[in-house]
């Protein structure tokens, strides 16, 4: 497992961990509170949207990530490898 997410519901906190040099480090959200997967290009998570239960924000951020050229290249690479 190269990444994992912990959603601590009682604390209303989301932690996304990334494996780097054999240990997990906390991924930092950008200034818009978005974390971007390093393993799956285009997988973006709106931390504030998740914490606030704002499904439309979660979906909009995810759709933005899936629309990137980086994600399209990732999908094409997966298709070639399968």
PDB file of N, CA and C in Angstrom:
ATOM      1  N   UNK A   1       0.848  -1.165   0.000  1.00  0.00           N
ATOM      2  CA  UNK A   1       0.000   0.000   0.000  1.00  0.00           C
ATOM      3  C   UNK A   1       0.901   1.237   0.000  1.00  0.00           C
ATOM      4  N   UNK A   2       0.719   2.087  -1.003  1.00  0.00           N
ATOM      5  CA  UNK A   2       1.579   3.269  -1.128  1.00  0.00           C
ATOM      6  C   UNK A   2       0.929   4.535  -0.590  1.00  0.00           C
ATOM      7  N   UNK A   3      -0.386   4.512  -0.446  1.00  0.00           N
ATOM      8  CA  UNK A   3      -1.120   5.635   0.136  1.00  0.00           C
ATOM      9  C   UNK A   3      -2.285   5.082   0.931  1.00  0.00           C
ATOM     10  N   UNK A   4      -2.678   5.808   1.959  1.00  0.00           N
ATOM     11  CA  UNK A   4      -3.924   5.467   2.628  1.00  0.00           C
ATOM     12  C   UNK A   4      -4.508   6.706   3.283  1.00  0.00           C
ATOM     13  N   UNK A   5      -5.817   6.659   3.486  1.00  0.00           N
ATOM     14  CA  UNK A   5      -6.555   7.787   4.046  1.00  0.00           C
ATOM     15  C   UNK A   5      -7.188   7.353   5.351  1.00  0.00           C
ATOM     16  N   UNK A   6      -7.108   8.223   6.353  1.00  0.00           N
ATOM     17  CA  UNK A   6      -7.780   7.996   7.626  1.00  0.00           C
ATOM     18  C   UNK A   6      -8.761   9.147   7.829  1.00  0.00           C
ATOM     19  N   UNK A   7     -10.026   8.810   7.922  1.00  0.00           N
ATOM     20  CA  UNK A   7     -11.053   9.814   8.190  1.00  0.00           C
ATOM     21  C   UNK A   7     -11.488   9.616   9.633  1.00  0.00           C
ATOM     22  N   UNK A   8     -11.077  10.531  10.486  1.00  0.00           N
ATOM     23  CA  UNK A   8     -11.407  10.466  11.909  1.00  0.00           C
ATOM     24  C   UNK A   8     -12.684  11.271  12.117  1.00  0.00           C
ATOM     25  N   UNK A   9     -13.798  10.584  12.095  1.00  0.00           N
ATOM     26  CA  UNK A   9     -15.090  11.249  12.081  1.00  0.00           C
ATOM     27  C   UNK A   9     -15.358  12.048  13.355  1.00  0.00           C
ATOM     28  N   UNK A  10     -14.993  11.515  14.511  1.00  0.00           N
ATOM     29  CA  UNK A  10     -15.267  12.229  15.756  1.00  0.00           C
ATOM     30  C   UNK A  10     -14.465  13.516  15.858  1.00  0.00           C
ATOM     31  N   UNK A  11     -13.259  13.515  15.318  1.00  0.00           N
ATOM     32  CA  UNK A  11     -12.425  14.715  15.323  1.00  0.00           C
ATOM     33  C   UNK A  11     -12.650  15.574  14.081  1.00  0.00           C
ATOM     34  N   UNK A  12     -13.457  15.056  13.138  1.00  0.00           N
ATOM     35  CA  UNK A  12     -13.721  15.726  11.861  1.00  0.00           C
ATOM     36  C   UNK A  12     -12.405  16.084  11.181  1.00  0.00           C
ATOM     37  N   UNK A  13     -11.580  15.054  11.020  1.00  0.00           N
ATOM     38  CA  UNK A  13     -10.234  15.235  10.478  1.00  0.00           C
ATOM     39  C   UNK A  13      -9.959  14.164   9.429  1.00  0.00           C
ATOM     40  N   UNK A  14      -9.239  14.567   8.386  1.00  0.00           N
ATOM     41  CA  UNK A  14      -8.851  13.649   7.318  1.00  0.00           C
ATOM     42  C   UNK A  14      -7.334  13.686   7.201  1.00  0.00           C
ATOM     43  N   UNK A  15      -6.708  12.521   7.290  1.00  0.00           N
ATOM     44  CA  UNK A  15      -5.267  12.405   7.106  1.00  0.00           C
ATOM     45  C   UNK A  15      -4.993  11.480   5.929  1.00  0.00           C
ATOM     46  N   UNK A  16      -4.163  11.931   5.014  1.00  0.00           N
ATOM     47  CA  UNK A  16      -3.784  11.153   3.837  1.00  0.00           C
ATOM     48  C   UNK A  16      -2.290  10.896   3.961  1.00  0.00           C
ATOM     49  N   UNK A  17      -1.914   9.632   3.986  1.00  0.00           N
ATOM     50  CA  UNK A  17      -0.519   9.264   4.156  1.00  0.00           C
ATOM     51  C   UNK A  17       0.046   8.692   2.859  1.00  0.00           C
ATOM     52  N   UNK A  18       1.307   9.028   2.602  1.00  0.00           N
ATOM     53  CA  UNK A  18       2.005   8.592   1.396  1.00  0.00           C
ATOM     54  C   UNK A  18       3.293   7.897   1.820  1.00  0.00           C
ATOM     55  N   UNK A  19       3.571   6.746   1.216  1.00  0.00           N
ATOM     56  CA  UNK A  19       4.798   6.005   1.509  1.00  0.00           C
ATOM     57  C   UNK A  19       5.966   6.671   0.790  1.00  0.00           C
ATOM     58  N   UNK A  20       6.940   7.130   1.574  1.00  0.00           N
ATOM     59  CA  UNK A  20       8.138   7.758   1.025  1.00  0.00           C
ATOM     60  C   UNK A  20       9.350   7.209   1.759  1.00  0.00           C
ATOM     61  N   UNK A  21      10.282   6.663   1.011  1.00  0.00           N
ATOM     62  CA  UNK A  21      11.529   6.133   1.569  1.00  0.00           C
ATOM     63  C   UNK A  21      11.257   5.136   2.706  1.00  0.00           C
ATOM     64  N   UNK A  22      10.251   4.290   2.507  1.00  0.00           N
ATOM     65  CA  UNK A  22       9.982   3.231   3.464  1.00  0.00           C
ATOM     66  C   UNK A  22       9.155   3.622   4.677  1.00  0.00           C
ATOM     67  N   UNK A  23       8.672   4.852   4.726  1.00  0.00           N
ATOM     68  CA  UNK A  23       7.811   5.237   5.859  1.00  0.00           C
ATOM     69  C   UNK A  23       6.690   6.142   5.368  1.00  0.00           C
ATOM     70  N   UNK A  24       5.608   6.153   6.124  1.00  0.00           N
ATOM     71  CA  UNK A  24       4.451   6.951   5.734  1.00  0.00           C
ATOM     72  C   UNK A  24       4.574   8.366   6.273  1.00  0.00           C
ATOM     73  N   UNK A  25       4.342   9.322   5.379  1.00  0.00           N
ATOM     74  CA  UNK A  25       4.363  10.730   5.761  1.00  0.00           C
ATOM     75  C   UNK A  25       3.015  11.343   5.403  1.00  0.00           C
ATOM     76  N   UNK A  26       2.646  12.351   6.143  1.00  0.00           N
ATOM     77  CA  UNK A  26       1.365  13.015   5.944  1.00  0.00           C
ATOM     78  C   UNK A  26       1.405  13.885   4.700  1.00  0.00           C
ATOM     79  N   UNK A  27       0.444  13.685   3.809  1.00  0.00           N
ATOM     80  CA  UNK A  27       0.313  14.542   2.632  1.00  0.00           C
ATOM     81  C   UNK A  27      -0.344  15.843   3.077  1.00  0.00           C
ATOM     82  N   UNK A  28       0.113  16.930   2.517  1.00  0.00           N
ATOM     83  CA  UNK A  28      -0.397  18.244   2.894  1.00  0.00           C
ATOM     84  C   UNK A  28      -1.359  18.742   1.818  1.00  0.00           C
ATOM     85  N   UNK A  29      -2.523  19.206   2.263  1.00  0.00           N
ATOM     86  CA  UNK A  29      -3.492  19.779   1.335  1.00  0.00           C
ATOM     87  C   UNK A  29      -2.985  21.125   0.830  1.00  0.00           C
ATOM     88  N   UNK A  30      -3.402  21.486  -0.375  1.00  0.00           N
ATOM     89  CA  UNK A  30      -3.002  22.786  -0.919  1.00  0.00           C
ATOM     90  C   UNK A  30      -3.838  23.900  -0.293  1.00  0.00           C
ATOM     91  N   UNK A  31      -3.673  25.115  -0.795  1.00  0.00           N
ATOM     92  CA  UNK A  31      -4.378  26.264  -0.214  1.00  0.00           C
ATOM     93  C   UNK A  31      -5.885  26.217  -0.435  1.00  0.00           C
ATOM     94  N   UNK A  32      -6.351  25.330  -1.314  1.00  0.00           N
ATOM     95  CA  UNK A  32      -7.797  25.136  -1.526  1.00  0.00           C
ATOM     96  C   UNK A  32      -8.315  23.923  -0.765  1.00  0.00           C
ATOM     97  N   UNK A  33      -7.471  23.348   0.097  1.00  0.00           N
ATOM     98  CA  UNK A  33      -7.823  22.179   0.909  1.00  0.00           C
ATOM     99  C   UNK A  33      -8.032  20.929   0.057  1.00  0.00           C
ATOM    100  N   UNK A  34      -7.214  20.788  -0.989  1.00  0.00           N
ATOM    101  CA  UNK A  34      -7.287  19.626  -1.870  1.00  0.00           C
ATOM    102  C   UNK A  34      -6.012  18.814  -1.724  1.00  0.00           C
ATOM    103  N   UNK A  35      -6.183  17.508  -1.582  1.00  0.00           N
ATOM    104  CA  UNK A  35      -5.050  16.590  -1.587  1.00  0.00           C
ATOM    105  C   UNK A  35      -5.107  15.803  -2.880  1.00  0.00           C
ATOM    106  N   UNK A  36      -3.953  15.680  -3.522  1.00  0.00           N
ATOM    107  CA  UNK A  36      -3.859  14.977  -4.798  1.00  0.00           C
ATOM    108  C   UNK A  36      -3.035  13.709  -4.627  1.00  0.00           C
ATOM    109  N   UNK A  37      -3.585  12.598  -5.072  1.00  0.00           N
ATOM    110  CA  UNK A  37      -2.895  11.321  -4.974  1.00  0.00           C
ATOM    111  C   UNK A  37      -1.614  11.344  -5.799  1.00  0.00           C
ATOM    112  N   UNK A  38      -0.573  10.756  -5.255  1.00  0.00           N
ATOM    113  CA  UNK A  38       0.671  10.582  -5.992  1.00  0.00           C
ATOM    114  C   UNK A  38       0.674   9.263  -6.760  1.00  0.00           C
ATOM    115  N   UNK A  39      -0.169   8.326  -6.342  1.00  0.00           N
ATOM    116  CA  UNK A  39      -0.227   7.003  -6.953  1.00  0.00           C
ATOM    117  C   UNK A  39      -1.214   6.973  -8.123  1.00  0.00           C
ATOM    118  N   UNK A  40      -2.358   7.633  -7.970  1.00  0.00           N
ATOM    119  CA  UNK A  40      -3.397   7.656  -8.992  1.00  0.00           C
ATOM    120  C   UNK A  40      -3.595   9.087  -9.481  1.00  0.00           C
ATOM    121  N   UNK A  41      -2.846   9.504 -10.511  1.00  0.00           N
ATOM    122  CA  UNK A  41      -2.984  10.865 -11.024  1.00  0.00           C
ATOM    123  C   UNK A  41      -4.439  11.183 -11.357  1.00  0.00           C
ATOM    124  N   UNK A  42      -4.891  12.321 -10.892  1.00  0.00           N
ATOM    125  CA  UNK A  42      -6.272  12.731 -11.124  1.00  0.00           C
ATOM    126  C   UNK A  42      -7.193  12.433  -9.964  1.00  0.00           C
ATOM    127  N   UNK A  43      -6.759  11.647  -9.004  1.00  0.00           N
ATOM    128  CA  UNK A  43      -7.576  11.388  -7.820  1.00  0.00           C
ATOM    129  C   UNK A  43      -7.330  12.526  -6.844  1.00  0.00           C
ATOM    130  N   UNK A  44      -8.294  13.419  -6.781  1.00  0.00           N
ATOM    131  CA  UNK A  44      -8.206  14.596  -5.919  1.00  0.00           C
ATOM    132  C   UNK A  44      -9.315  14.522  -4.880  1.00  0.00           C
ATOM    133  N   UNK A  45      -9.006  14.937  -3.653  1.00  0.00           N
ATOM    134  CA  UNK A  45      -9.986  14.928  -2.570  1.00  0.00           C
ATOM    135  C   UNK A  45     -10.079  16.307  -1.944  1.00  0.00           C
ATOM    136  N   UNK A  46     -11.289  16.833  -1.881  1.00  0.00           N
ATOM    137  CA  UNK A  46     -11.538  18.080  -1.174  1.00  0.00           C
ATOM    138  C   UNK A  46     -11.714  17.740   0.305  1.00  0.00           C
ATOM    139  N   UNK A  47     -10.711  18.064   1.093  1.00  0.00           N
ATOM    140  CA  UNK A  47     -10.764  17.756   2.522  1.00  0.00           C
ATOM    141  C   UNK A  47     -11.913  18.518   3.183  1.00  0.00           C
ATOM    142  N   UNK A  48     -12.037  19.800   2.882  1.00  0.00           N
ATOM    143  CA  UNK A  48     -13.140  20.572   3.481  1.00  0.00           C
ATOM    144  C   UNK A  48     -14.491  20.046   3.035  1.00  0.00           C
ATOM    145  N   UNK A  49     -14.603  19.680   1.766  1.00  0.00           N
ATOM    146  CA  UNK A  49     -15.868  19.126   1.288  1.00  0.00           C
ATOM    147  C   UNK A  49     -16.246  17.860   2.030  1.00  0.00           C
ATOM    148  N   UNK A  50     -15.270  16.992   2.273  1.00  0.00           N
ATOM    149  CA  UNK A  50     -15.537  15.755   3.003  1.00  0.00           C
ATOM    150  C   UNK A  50     -15.912  16.052   4.448  1.00  0.00           C
ATOM    151  N   UNK A  51     -15.148  16.918   5.083  1.00  0.00           N
ATOM    152  CA  UNK A  51     -15.405  17.241   6.495  1.00  0.00           C
ATOM    153  C   UNK A  51     -16.753  17.913   6.688  1.00  0.00           C
ATOM    154  N   UNK A  52     -17.168  18.709   5.701  1.00  0.00           N
ATOM    155  CA  UNK A  52     -18.438  19.439   5.809  1.00  0.00           C
ATOM    156  C   UNK A  52     -19.617  18.664   5.228  1.00  0.00           C
ATOM    157  N   UNK A  53     -19.343  17.513   4.637  1.00  0.00           N
ATOM    158  CA  UNK A  53     -20.411  16.726   4.025  1.00  0.00           C
ATOM    159  C   UNK A  53     -20.962  17.380   2.768  1.00  0.00           C
ATOM    160  N   UNK A  54     -20.141  18.179   2.095  1.00  0.00           N
ATOM    161  CA  UNK A  54     -20.557  18.892   0.898  1.00  0.00           C
ATOM    162  C   UNK A  54     -20.263  18.011  -0.322  1.00  0.00           C
ATOM    163  N   UNK A  55     -21.221  17.187  -0.672  1.00  0.00           N
ATOM    164  CA  UNK A  55     -21.035  16.235  -1.760  1.00  0.00           C
ATOM    165  C   UNK A  55     -20.788  16.903  -3.103  1.00  0.00           C
ATOM    166  N   UNK A  56     -21.437  18.039  -3.342  1.00  0.00           N
ATOM    167  CA  UNK A  56     -21.235  18.697  -4.634  1.00  0.00           C
ATOM    168  C   UNK A  56     -19.798  19.201  -4.761  1.00  0.00           C
ATOM    169  N   UNK A  57     -19.197  19.681  -3.671  1.00  0.00           N
ATOM    170  CA  UNK A  57     -17.801  20.107  -3.714  1.00  0.00           C
ATOM    171  C   UNK A  57     -16.873  18.903  -3.903  1.00  0.00           C
ATOM    172  N   UNK A  58     -17.154  17.822  -3.201  1.00  0.00           N
ATOM    173  CA  UNK A  58     -16.345  16.611  -3.341  1.00  0.00           C
ATOM    174  C   UNK A  58     -16.370  16.144  -4.792  1.00  0.00           C
ATOM    175  N   UNK A  59     -17.557  16.088  -5.374  1.00  0.00           N
ATOM    176  CA  UNK A  59     -17.709  15.618  -6.750  1.00  0.00           C
ATOM    177  C   UNK A  59     -17.035  16.566  -7.734  1.00  0.00           C
ATOM    178  N   UNK A  60     -17.196  17.877  -7.540  1.00  0.00           N
ATOM    179  CA  UNK A  60     -16.607  18.858  -8.456  1.00  0.00           C
ATOM    180  C   UNK A  60     -15.081  18.763  -8.447  1.00  0.00           C
ATOM    181  N   UNK A  61     -14.493  18.615  -7.270  1.00  0.00           N
ATOM    182  CA  UNK A  61     -13.038  18.511  -7.175  1.00  0.00           C
ATOM    183  C   UNK A  61     -12.567  17.211  -7.830  1.00  0.00           C
ATOM    184  N   UNK A  62     -13.267  16.117  -7.568  1.00  0.00           N
ATOM    185  CA  UNK A  62     -12.904  14.845  -8.190  1.00  0.00           C
ATOM    186  C   UNK A  62     -12.994  14.936  -9.712  1.00  0.00           C
ATOM    187  N   UNK A  63     -14.062  15.531 -10.215  1.00  0.00           N
ATOM    188  CA  UNK A  63     -14.225  15.677 -11.661  1.00  0.00           C
ATOM    189  C   UNK A  63     -13.108  16.531 -12.256  1.00  0.00           C
ATOM    190  N   UNK A  64     -12.691  17.568 -11.544  1.00  0.00           N
ATOM    191  CA  UNK A  64     -11.585  18.409 -12.025  1.00  0.00           C
ATOM    192  C   UNK A  64     -10.311  17.589 -12.158  1.00  0.00           C
ATOM    193  N   UNK A  65     -10.056  16.742 -11.190  1.00  0.00           N
ATOM    194  CA  UNK A  65      -8.870  15.890 -11.252  1.00  0.00           C
ATOM    195  C   UNK A  65      -8.930  14.893 -12.387  1.00  0.00           C
ATOM    196  N   UNK A  66     -10.107  14.309 -12.589  1.00  0.00           N
ATOM    197  CA  UNK A  66     -10.264  13.318 -13.648  1.00  0.00           C
ATOM    198  C   UNK A  66     -10.192  13.932 -15.042  1.00  0.00           C
ATOM    199  N   UNK A  67     -10.391  15.243 -15.132  1.00  0.00           N
ATOM    200  CA  UNK A  67     -10.344  15.929 -16.426  1.00  0.00           C
ATOM    201  C   UNK A  67      -8.932  16.369 -16.807  1.00  0.00           C
ATOM    202  N   UNK A  68      -7.950  16.129 -15.970  1.00  0.00           N
ATOM    203  CA  UNK A  68      -6.589  16.585 -16.259  1.00  0.00           C
ATOM    204  C   UNK A  68      -5.903  15.691 -17.289  1.00  0.00           C
ATOM    205  N   UNK A  69      -4.947  16.284 -17.983  1.00  0.00           N
ATOM    206  CA  UNK A  69      -4.137  15.528 -18.945  1.00  0.00           C
ATOM    207  C   UNK A  69      -3.336  14.454 -18.216  1.00  0.00           C
ATOM    208  N   UNK A  70      -2.932  14.740 -17.012  1.00  0.00           N
ATOM    209  CA  UNK A  70      -2.179  13.772 -16.210  1.00  0.00           C
ATOM    210  C   UNK A  70      -2.996  12.498 -15.973  1.00  0.00           C
ATOM    211  N   UNK A  71      -4.286  12.666 -15.676  1.00  0.00           N
ATOM    212  CA  UNK A  71      -5.148  11.503 -15.461  1.00  0.00           C
ATOM    213  C   UNK A  71      -5.355  10.734 -16.769  1.00  0.00           C
ATOM    214  N   UNK A  72      -5.554  11.464 -17.861  1.00  0.00           N
ATOM    215  CA  UNK A  72      -5.766  10.802 -19.151  1.00  0.00           C
ATOM    216  C   UNK A  72      -4.546   9.973 -19.539  1.00  0.00           C
ATOM    217  N   UNK A  73      -3.360  10.509 -19.303  1.00  0.00           N
ATOM    218  CA  UNK A  73      -2.128   9.767 -19.603  1.00  0.00           C
ATOM    219  C   UNK A  73      -2.028   8.525 -18.721  1.00  0.00           C
ATOM    220  N   UNK A  74      -2.450   8.642 -17.470  1.00  0.00           N
ATOM    221  CA  UNK A  74      -2.449   7.513 -16.543  1.00  0.00           C
ATOM    222  C   UNK A  74      -3.384   6.413 -17.037  1.00  0.00           C
ATOM    223  N   UNK A  75      -4.578   6.785 -17.475  1.00  0.00           N
ATOM    224  CA  UNK A  75      -5.551   5.821 -17.985  1.00  0.00           C
ATOM    225  C   UNK A  75      -5.019   5.140 -19.240  1.00  0.00           C
ATOM    226  N   UNK A  76      -4.421   5.904 -20.123  1.00  0.00           N
ATOM    227  CA  UNK A  76      -3.855   5.328 -21.341  1.00  0.00           C
ATOM    228  C   UNK A  76      -2.732   4.336 -21.021  1.00  0.00           C
ATOM    229  N   UNK A  77      -1.912   4.685 -20.043  1.00  0.00           N
ATOM    230  CA  UNK A  77      -0.828   3.772 -19.644  1.00  0.00           C
ATOM    231  C   UNK A  77      -1.403   2.481 -19.068  1.00  0.00           C
ATOM    232  N   UNK A  78      -2.449   2.596 -18.257  1.00  0.00           N
ATOM    233  CA  UNK A  78      -3.089   1.395 -17.696  1.00  0.00           C
ATOM    234  C   UNK A  78      -3.677   0.525 -18.799  1.00  0.00           C
ATOM    235  N   UNK A  79      -4.305   1.154 -19.778  1.00  0.00           N
ATOM    236  CA  UNK A  79      -4.896   0.405 -20.881  1.00  0.00           C
ATOM    237  C   UNK A  79      -3.835  -0.327 -21.696  1.00  0.00           C
ATOM    238  N   UNK A  80      -2.686   0.295 -21.898  1.00  0.00           N
ATOM    239  CA  UNK A  80      -1.597  -0.362 -22.648  1.00  0.00           C
ATOM    240  C   UNK A  80      -1.029  -1.544 -21.872  1.00  0.00           C
ATOM    241  N   UNK A  81      -0.983  -1.421 -20.551  1.00  0.00           N
ATOM    242  CA  UNK A  81      -0.389  -2.469 -19.716  1.00  0.00           C
ATOM    243  C   UNK A  81      -1.329  -3.658 -19.495  1.00  0.00           C
ATOM    244  N   UNK A  82      -2.614  -3.473 -19.758  1.00  0.00           N
ATOM    245  CA  UNK A  82      -3.554  -4.584 -19.493  1.00  0.00           C
ATOM    246  C   UNK A  82      -3.758  -5.475 -20.679  1.00  0.00           C
TER     247      UNK A  82
END
